[in-house]
Protein backbone atom coordinates (compact mmCIF):
# COMPACT_ATOMS: atom_id res chain seq x y z
CA MET A 1 24.65 199.59 -39.81
CA THR A 2 27.97 198.28 -38.51
CA LEU A 3 30.13 199.31 -35.60
CA SER A 4 33.87 199.18 -35.21
CA ARG A 5 35.50 197.45 -32.24
CA ARG A 6 36.25 200.89 -30.89
CA GLN A 7 32.67 202.13 -31.11
CA PHE A 8 31.37 199.06 -29.34
CA VAL A 9 33.76 199.06 -26.43
CA LYS A 10 33.72 202.77 -25.77
CA GLY A 11 33.70 205.34 -28.54
CA ALA A 12 36.16 206.80 -30.96
CA SER A 13 37.05 209.81 -28.85
CA VAL A 14 38.02 207.68 -25.89
CA ALA A 15 39.64 204.82 -27.78
CA GLY A 16 41.81 207.20 -29.73
CA ALA A 17 43.44 208.49 -26.59
CA VAL A 18 47.00 207.32 -26.14
CA ALA A 19 48.26 206.65 -22.65
CA ALA A 20 51.53 208.09 -21.50
CA THR A 21 54.44 205.65 -21.38
CA PRO A 22 53.87 203.77 -18.10
CA PHE A 23 57.11 201.86 -17.65
CA SER A 24 58.41 203.31 -14.41
CA ILE A 25 57.70 200.83 -11.64
CA ASN A 26 60.73 199.18 -10.13
CA GLN A 27 62.13 198.25 -13.54
CA ALA A 28 65.61 197.56 -12.27
CA ILE A 29 64.29 195.12 -9.69
CA ALA A 30 61.84 193.49 -12.09
CA ALA A 31 64.45 193.06 -14.81
CA ASN A 32 66.52 190.81 -12.57
CA LYS A 33 63.75 188.20 -12.55
CA GLU A 34 62.01 186.28 -15.30
CA LEU A 35 58.29 186.88 -15.75
CA ARG A 36 56.39 183.60 -16.12
CA ILE A 37 53.21 184.02 -18.17
CA TYR A 38 50.53 181.31 -18.26
CA ALA A 39 47.92 182.19 -20.89
CA TRP A 40 45.72 180.82 -23.64
CA ALA A 41 47.48 179.14 -26.55
CA GLY A 42 48.37 181.68 -29.23
CA TYR A 43 47.90 184.72 -27.01
CA ILE A 44 51.53 185.70 -26.43
CA THR A 45 53.74 185.79 -29.52
CA ASP A 46 57.50 186.08 -29.90
CA GLU A 47 56.91 189.56 -31.29
CA MET A 48 55.12 190.56 -28.10
CA LEU A 49 57.78 189.07 -25.83
CA SER A 50 60.53 190.84 -27.78
CA ASP A 51 58.73 194.17 -27.65
CA PHE A 52 58.07 193.79 -23.93
CA LYS A 53 61.76 193.13 -23.30
CA ALA A 54 62.80 196.03 -25.51
CA LYS A 55 60.49 198.40 -23.62
CA THR A 56 61.18 197.16 -20.07
CA GLY A 57 64.36 195.07 -20.09
CA ILE A 58 62.41 192.14 -18.60
CA ASN A 59 62.70 188.58 -19.90
CA ALA A 60 59.40 186.71 -20.05
CA THR A 61 58.44 183.12 -20.82
CA PHE A 62 55.07 181.94 -22.07
CA THR A 63 53.38 178.63 -21.24
CA PRO A 64 50.07 177.94 -23.02
CA TYR A 65 46.87 176.30 -21.81
CA GLY A 66 43.75 175.40 -23.77
CA THR A 67 40.78 175.72 -21.41
CA ASN A 68 39.63 177.49 -18.26
CA ASP A 69 39.43 174.13 -16.52
CA GLU A 70 43.04 173.31 -17.42
CA LEU A 71 44.13 176.61 -15.91
CA MET A 72 42.08 176.10 -12.74
CA ASN A 73 43.28 172.53 -12.27
CA SER A 74 46.92 173.54 -12.75
CA LEU A 75 46.72 176.23 -10.10
CA ARG A 76 44.83 174.01 -7.68
CA ALA A 77 47.47 171.31 -8.08
CA THR A 78 50.27 173.74 -7.19
CA ASP A 79 48.38 175.94 -4.70
CA GLY A 80 48.82 178.97 -6.92
CA THR A 81 52.54 178.61 -7.55
CA GLY A 82 54.59 178.25 -10.74
CA PHE A 83 53.50 181.36 -12.63
CA ASP A 84 53.40 185.11 -12.10
CA ILE A 85 50.41 186.05 -14.26
CA ILE A 86 47.41 184.18 -15.70
CA MET A 87 44.51 185.13 -18.00
CA PRO A 88 41.19 183.58 -16.87
CA THR A 89 37.78 184.72 -18.01
CA VAL A 90 36.15 187.14 -15.59
CA ASP A 91 33.24 184.81 -14.82
CA ARG A 92 35.66 182.31 -13.28
CA VAL A 93 37.54 184.74 -11.00
CA PRO A 94 35.28 184.27 -7.93
CA GLY A 95 36.09 180.56 -8.07
CA TYR A 96 39.81 181.29 -7.82
CA VAL A 97 39.11 183.48 -4.81
CA ASP A 98 37.04 180.71 -3.20
CA TYR A 99 39.99 178.33 -3.59
CA ASP A 100 42.46 180.99 -2.34
CA LEU A 101 44.57 180.75 -5.50
CA ILE A 102 44.98 184.42 -6.47
CA GLN A 103 45.85 187.74 -4.86
CA PRO A 104 44.23 191.17 -5.18
CA LEU A 105 45.79 193.69 -7.53
CA ASP A 106 47.56 196.74 -6.19
CA VAL A 107 45.32 199.03 -8.22
CA LYS A 108 47.65 202.01 -7.72
CA ARG A 109 50.33 200.25 -9.76
CA VAL A 110 48.17 199.76 -12.86
CA ASN A 111 47.98 202.39 -15.60
CA TRP A 112 44.20 202.27 -15.89
CA GLY A 113 44.33 205.26 -18.22
CA GLY A 114 45.49 202.89 -20.95
CA CYS A 115 42.43 200.62 -20.56
CA LEU A 116 39.05 201.34 -22.10
CA GLU A 117 36.78 202.69 -19.39
CA SER A 118 33.80 200.58 -20.41
CA ALA A 119 35.88 197.40 -20.30
CA LEU A 120 37.09 198.22 -16.81
CA ALA A 121 33.57 198.99 -15.62
CA GLY A 122 32.26 195.86 -17.33
CA SER A 123 34.74 193.73 -15.42
CA ASP A 124 33.50 194.86 -12.01
CA VAL A 125 31.13 191.89 -11.86
CA GLY A 126 33.44 188.96 -11.27
CA GLY A 127 36.63 190.99 -11.31
CA ILE A 128 35.92 192.57 -7.93
CA VAL A 129 35.28 190.14 -5.08
CA ASN A 130 34.56 191.25 -1.51
CA GLY A 131 35.53 194.80 -2.42
CA LYS A 132 38.94 193.87 -3.85
CA ARG A 133 39.90 193.95 -7.54
CA TYR A 134 41.61 190.81 -8.80
CA PHE A 135 41.24 191.33 -12.55
CA ALA A 136 42.64 193.76 -15.14
CA PRO A 137 40.67 193.28 -18.41
CA SER A 138 42.72 192.40 -21.48
CA ASP A 139 40.32 191.33 -24.21
CA TRP A 140 36.82 190.21 -25.08
CA GLY A 141 35.31 187.99 -27.72
CA THR A 142 32.38 185.77 -28.59
CA GLU A 143 31.33 182.24 -29.34
CA ALA A 144 28.75 182.06 -32.10
CA ILE A 145 28.21 180.49 -35.53
CA ALA A 146 31.10 179.81 -37.91
CA TYR A 147 30.08 178.33 -41.23
CA ASN A 148 31.38 177.37 -44.65
CA THR A 149 29.79 179.82 -47.08
CA GLN A 150 29.72 177.18 -49.83
CA ASP A 151 28.53 174.08 -47.99
CA ALA A 152 26.55 175.04 -44.86
CA SER A 153 22.78 175.38 -44.93
CA VAL A 154 22.14 178.74 -43.24
CA ASN A 155 20.51 182.09 -43.81
CA PRO A 156 23.29 184.56 -42.95
CA LYS A 157 20.72 187.24 -42.14
CA SER A 158 18.85 185.06 -39.64
CA LEU A 159 21.33 182.76 -37.93
CA SER A 160 20.24 180.56 -35.03
CA TYR A 161 21.82 178.00 -32.75
CA GLY A 162 19.16 175.74 -34.23
CA ASP A 163 20.93 175.92 -37.60
CA LEU A 164 23.55 173.57 -36.22
CA TRP A 165 20.96 170.84 -35.96
CA LYS A 166 19.25 171.21 -39.34
CA PRO A 167 19.18 167.89 -41.24
CA GLU A 168 21.03 169.53 -44.13
CA ASN A 169 24.06 170.08 -41.87
CA ALA A 170 24.06 166.59 -40.35
CA GLY A 171 27.52 165.09 -40.07
CA GLY A 172 29.22 168.45 -40.50
CA VAL A 173 28.85 170.09 -37.08
CA THR A 174 31.56 170.97 -34.57
CA VAL A 175 30.80 172.19 -31.03
CA ARG A 176 32.35 172.38 -27.58
CA GLY A 177 30.48 170.13 -25.17
CA HIS A 178 29.47 172.42 -22.33
CA SER A 179 28.89 175.57 -24.38
CA ALA A 180 26.89 173.66 -27.00
CA LEU A 181 24.46 172.83 -24.20
CA VAL A 182 24.13 176.55 -23.44
CA GLY A 183 23.57 177.32 -27.12
CA ILE A 184 20.84 174.68 -27.26
CA GLY A 185 19.45 176.16 -24.05
CA LEU A 186 19.18 179.62 -25.60
CA TRP A 187 17.50 178.11 -28.67
CA LEU A 188 14.99 176.24 -26.50
CA GLU A 189 14.43 179.24 -24.23
CA LYS A 190 13.51 181.44 -27.18
CA ALA A 191 11.01 178.76 -28.22
CA GLY A 192 9.52 178.69 -24.70
CA LYS A 193 10.64 175.13 -24.00
CA LEU A 194 12.66 175.52 -20.77
CA PRO A 195 11.07 175.20 -17.31
CA PHE A 196 13.14 178.14 -15.95
CA PRO A 197 14.89 181.13 -17.53
CA LEU A 198 18.32 179.93 -18.64
CA LEU A 199 20.09 182.46 -16.40
CA ASP A 200 18.43 180.87 -13.38
CA SER A 201 20.61 177.83 -14.08
CA TYR A 202 23.53 179.82 -12.66
CA LYS A 203 21.64 180.70 -9.48
CA THR A 204 20.26 177.44 -8.09
CA GLU A 205 20.89 173.73 -8.55
CA LYS A 206 17.15 173.15 -8.88
CA ALA A 207 16.84 175.42 -11.91
CA MET A 208 20.09 174.18 -13.39
CA ARG A 209 19.11 170.53 -13.27
CA ALA A 210 15.57 171.16 -14.48
CA ASN A 211 16.81 173.14 -17.49
CA PHE A 212 19.73 170.92 -18.36
CA GLU A 213 17.70 167.72 -18.29
CA VAL A 214 15.59 169.24 -21.08
CA ILE A 215 18.66 170.57 -22.88
CA LEU A 216 20.53 167.27 -22.64
CA LYS A 217 17.63 165.34 -24.12
CA VAL A 218 17.58 167.55 -27.21
CA ALA A 219 21.38 167.53 -27.47
CA ALA A 220 21.51 163.73 -27.36
CA GLU A 221 18.84 163.48 -30.06
CA HIS A 222 21.04 165.51 -32.42
CA LYS A 223 24.43 164.12 -31.44
CA SER A 224 24.73 162.13 -34.67
CA SER A 225 25.06 165.44 -36.53
CA ILE A 226 28.43 166.12 -34.95
CA ALA A 227 31.60 165.61 -36.98
CA GLN A 228 33.89 166.53 -34.10
CA PHE A 229 33.77 167.96 -30.60
CA TRP A 230 36.38 170.61 -29.84
CA SER A 231 37.81 171.92 -26.60
CA THR A 232 40.74 174.06 -27.80
CA GLU A 233 41.32 176.58 -30.57
CA ASN A 234 43.47 174.18 -32.58
CA GLU A 235 40.82 171.47 -32.40
CA ALA A 236 38.11 173.85 -33.60
CA GLN A 237 40.18 174.94 -36.57
CA GLY A 238 41.08 171.34 -37.35
CA ALA A 239 37.41 170.38 -37.47
CA PHE A 240 36.95 172.65 -40.49
CA ARG A 241 40.31 172.02 -42.12
CA THR A 242 40.45 168.24 -42.04
CA ASN A 243 37.47 166.64 -40.31
CA GLY A 244 34.53 167.63 -42.47
CA ALA A 245 32.90 170.38 -40.43
CA VAL A 246 30.83 172.87 -42.42
CA ILE A 247 29.24 174.68 -39.47
CA GLY A 248 30.07 175.06 -35.81
CA GLN A 249 29.58 176.92 -32.58
CA THR A 250 33.10 178.33 -32.20
CA TRP A 251 35.04 181.30 -30.95
CA ASP A 252 35.37 184.26 -33.30
CA SER A 253 39.11 183.62 -33.50
CA THR A 254 38.48 180.25 -35.17
CA ALA A 255 36.63 181.83 -38.07
CA PHE A 256 39.05 184.76 -38.21
CA LYS A 257 42.11 182.54 -38.58
CA LEU A 258 40.49 180.22 -41.12
CA LYS A 259 39.28 183.17 -43.17
CA THR A 260 42.72 184.79 -43.17
CA GLU A 261 44.09 181.52 -44.58
CA GLY A 262 41.68 181.79 -47.50
CA GLU A 263 39.08 179.30 -46.30
CA PRO A 264 35.45 180.12 -47.30
CA ILE A 265 34.43 180.70 -43.68
CA ALA A 266 32.11 183.37 -42.28
CA TYR A 267 31.09 184.15 -38.72
CA GLY A 268 27.92 185.62 -37.29
CA ALA A 269 25.83 186.06 -34.18
CA PRO A 270 22.65 183.99 -33.87
CA LYS A 271 19.38 185.72 -33.08
CA GLU A 272 19.43 184.15 -29.60
CA GLY A 273 22.62 186.11 -28.84
CA ALA A 274 26.32 185.37 -29.28
CA LEU A 275 27.98 184.05 -26.12
CA ALA A 276 30.33 186.80 -24.94
CA TRP A 277 33.26 186.67 -22.56
CA MET A 278 36.02 188.86 -21.17
CA GLU A 279 39.51 187.80 -20.15
CA GLY A 280 42.14 189.59 -18.15
CA PHE A 281 45.29 189.57 -16.10
CA VAL A 282 45.27 187.97 -12.66
CA ILE A 283 48.14 187.30 -10.23
CA PRO A 284 48.41 183.84 -8.63
CA LYS A 285 48.69 183.77 -4.86
CA ASN A 286 52.32 182.66 -4.80
CA ALA A 287 53.69 184.65 -7.74
CA ASN A 288 57.30 185.59 -7.05
CA ASN A 289 57.75 188.44 -9.54
CA THR A 290 54.85 190.82 -9.06
CA ASP A 291 56.95 193.85 -10.04
CA SER A 292 57.23 192.44 -13.56
CA VAL A 293 53.52 191.63 -13.61
CA TYR A 294 52.62 195.29 -13.28
CA GLU A 295 55.20 196.19 -15.91
CA PHE A 296 53.56 193.67 -18.25
CA ILE A 297 50.02 194.92 -17.63
CA ASN A 298 51.08 198.52 -18.19
CA TRP A 299 53.00 197.54 -21.33
CA TYR A 300 49.86 195.81 -22.62
CA TYR A 301 47.77 198.93 -22.00
CA THR A 302 49.41 200.72 -24.94
CA PRO A 303 48.06 200.91 -28.50
CA GLU A 304 51.02 199.05 -29.98
CA ALA A 305 50.85 196.08 -27.60
CA GLY A 306 47.07 195.86 -27.85
CA ALA A 307 47.29 195.81 -31.65
CA MET A 308 49.89 193.02 -31.55
CA PHE A 309 47.51 190.97 -29.44
CA VAL A 310 44.57 191.49 -31.81
CA LYS A 311 46.65 190.60 -34.87
CA ALA A 312 47.76 187.40 -33.13
CA THR A 313 44.35 186.27 -31.89
CA GLY A 314 41.53 188.01 -33.74
CA TYR A 315 40.01 189.03 -30.40
CA ASN A 316 39.31 192.55 -29.22
CA SER A 317 41.87 194.33 -27.05
CA THR A 318 40.93 196.58 -24.15
CA ALA A 319 44.01 198.77 -24.77
CA LYS A 320 43.07 202.28 -25.84
CA GLY A 321 44.08 203.14 -29.38
CA ALA A 322 44.79 199.57 -30.49
CA ASP A 323 41.95 199.68 -32.99
CA ALA A 324 43.57 202.47 -35.00
CA LEU A 325 46.65 200.32 -35.65
CA LEU A 326 44.87 197.22 -36.96
CA PRO A 327 45.03 196.00 -40.57
CA ALA A 328 41.99 196.74 -42.71
CA ALA A 329 41.17 193.03 -43.02
CA THR A 330 40.93 192.67 -39.24
CA LYS A 331 38.55 195.61 -38.96
CA GLN A 332 36.48 194.25 -41.86
CA PHE A 333 36.08 190.85 -40.20
CA PHE A 334 34.58 192.53 -37.14
CA GLN A 335 32.19 194.63 -39.21
CA ASP A 336 31.13 191.64 -41.32
CA SER A 337 30.48 189.53 -38.21
CA TYR A 338 28.41 191.87 -36.03
CA SER A 339 25.59 194.28 -36.71
CA LYS A 340 24.60 196.97 -34.23
CA GLN A 341 21.77 194.71 -33.06
CA ASP A 342 24.12 191.74 -32.67
CA LEU A 343 26.34 193.74 -30.32
CA ALA A 344 23.36 194.94 -28.31
CA ASN A 345 22.16 191.33 -28.02
CA LEU A 346 25.35 189.73 -26.69
CA TRP A 347 24.78 187.05 -24.03
CA TRP A 348 27.54 187.59 -21.49
CA TRP A 349 28.62 184.51 -19.59
CA PRO A 350 27.33 184.78 -16.00
CA ILE A 351 29.52 184.11 -12.98
CA GLN A 352 30.28 180.38 -12.95
CA GLU A 353 30.70 179.41 -9.33
CA PRO A 354 32.38 176.11 -8.41
CA TRP A 355 29.06 174.32 -7.74
CA TYR A 356 27.83 175.30 -11.20
CA VAL A 357 31.06 174.23 -12.91
CA ALA A 358 30.82 170.82 -11.24
CA LEU A 359 27.25 170.33 -12.49
CA ARG A 360 28.11 171.73 -15.90
CA ASN A 361 30.89 169.17 -16.25
CA GLU A 362 28.51 166.42 -15.15
CA TYR A 363 26.08 167.28 -17.93
CA GLN A 364 28.88 167.71 -20.44
CA ASP A 365 30.15 164.22 -19.60
CA ARG A 366 26.67 162.80 -20.04
CA TYR A 367 26.40 164.56 -23.39
CA LEU A 368 29.75 163.30 -24.64
CA SER A 369 28.95 159.73 -23.62
CA ALA A 370 25.32 159.74 -24.83
C-alpha cells in the first residue's frame, strides 16, 4: 500500500482545502522595501520570485546557503542582521534562540489556515521555545538510501543503512559525514551494539560519547568504501553523475533530481528508519522588513506557491492543496519511495542543542580525517 504526500501529512479532505487570498497586510509599506531571503540552494526559483512580486508588488532577492551550519555561522557573524527571512530545520531553532539571533513570530499575522494542521502541530517541538513560536513550517523531507538500480548491490524490499557498507558496493558510496554516523548508529542500534539508545545521545554528553565512540570505530573501518563525501545538494548529485557513486545516504531531492534527468536512480527508506526533517520560515533578530516577511509566508501558504516549491526541490510542501497541482511524475516518485510502513517508521531528527552540535562536529572531523 502506498500513501500520497497529502495522506501522510494530513488527509485528502484537509489538504484539498484552499485558503482564502491572504495578501492584505501592509502591502503598500512592504512594497517599498526589498525582501532579503536566505534559504537553501535551489529552494527559491525565479518563477517563485516573479509570482510573489505579481501577487504582492514586493521585490525579493534570494541568497543561497548549503548547510545548517553555514546558516548558523552567517547569522552569528552578523548578530542576526543582513536578511529578513531564513529557513532552518526545526531541530536547530532552539540554538538560534540560545544565541539570541531570531525573533518570535507575530502569530496573528500568519495565515495558518493555509498550512497543513499536522505540520503546524508537528513543529511545536523546536518551533516553540519558552512559549513563543519562532517557526512557520514550510516543507519536510528525508535522508535515506539512493541507489543506482543497475549497479548497486541492494534488495529494494529490505533496504538497510548497512547496505552502504557491503563489500559489493565498496568504492561507490557517498555520504554526509555527520549524518552517516547517525545512519551507522541506527544500524548498530538495531543490532544491539550500542551502549545507550541512540536518542540518548541528544540528551547527555556521556551517552553521546559512549555511542559515538562505537559508531566512529565502525565508520572508520568502512571508510575505504567511500567514493565521495557530500555536504551540499550539488555535491551529492555530483557524486552519482561524475564521481562513481552507485549508492548513498542522501536527501530525497538528490534522487528525485537525478531520476528526472533520466539517471537509473531509485530512493527508499531503510528498515532502521529514514532520517526525517522539517524546515520553515524564521525571522532574524535584526530583520528590517518584517512586513514583507509575513506577506511572503502567507503567499507561500497557497496551493500554487507550494506546488512551485515542490516542483523546484522534490520536497514536500506544507501548503494546503499543493499536492493536487503536482505533476504525475512527482507524485509517483513519492509513492515509489515510501510504503505506509516506511512513513510510520520515520526517524525524526531530535532537537540538536549547541553542545550536541559541537560534539557532533568533533566526531565528524575525526571521521573525515580517519
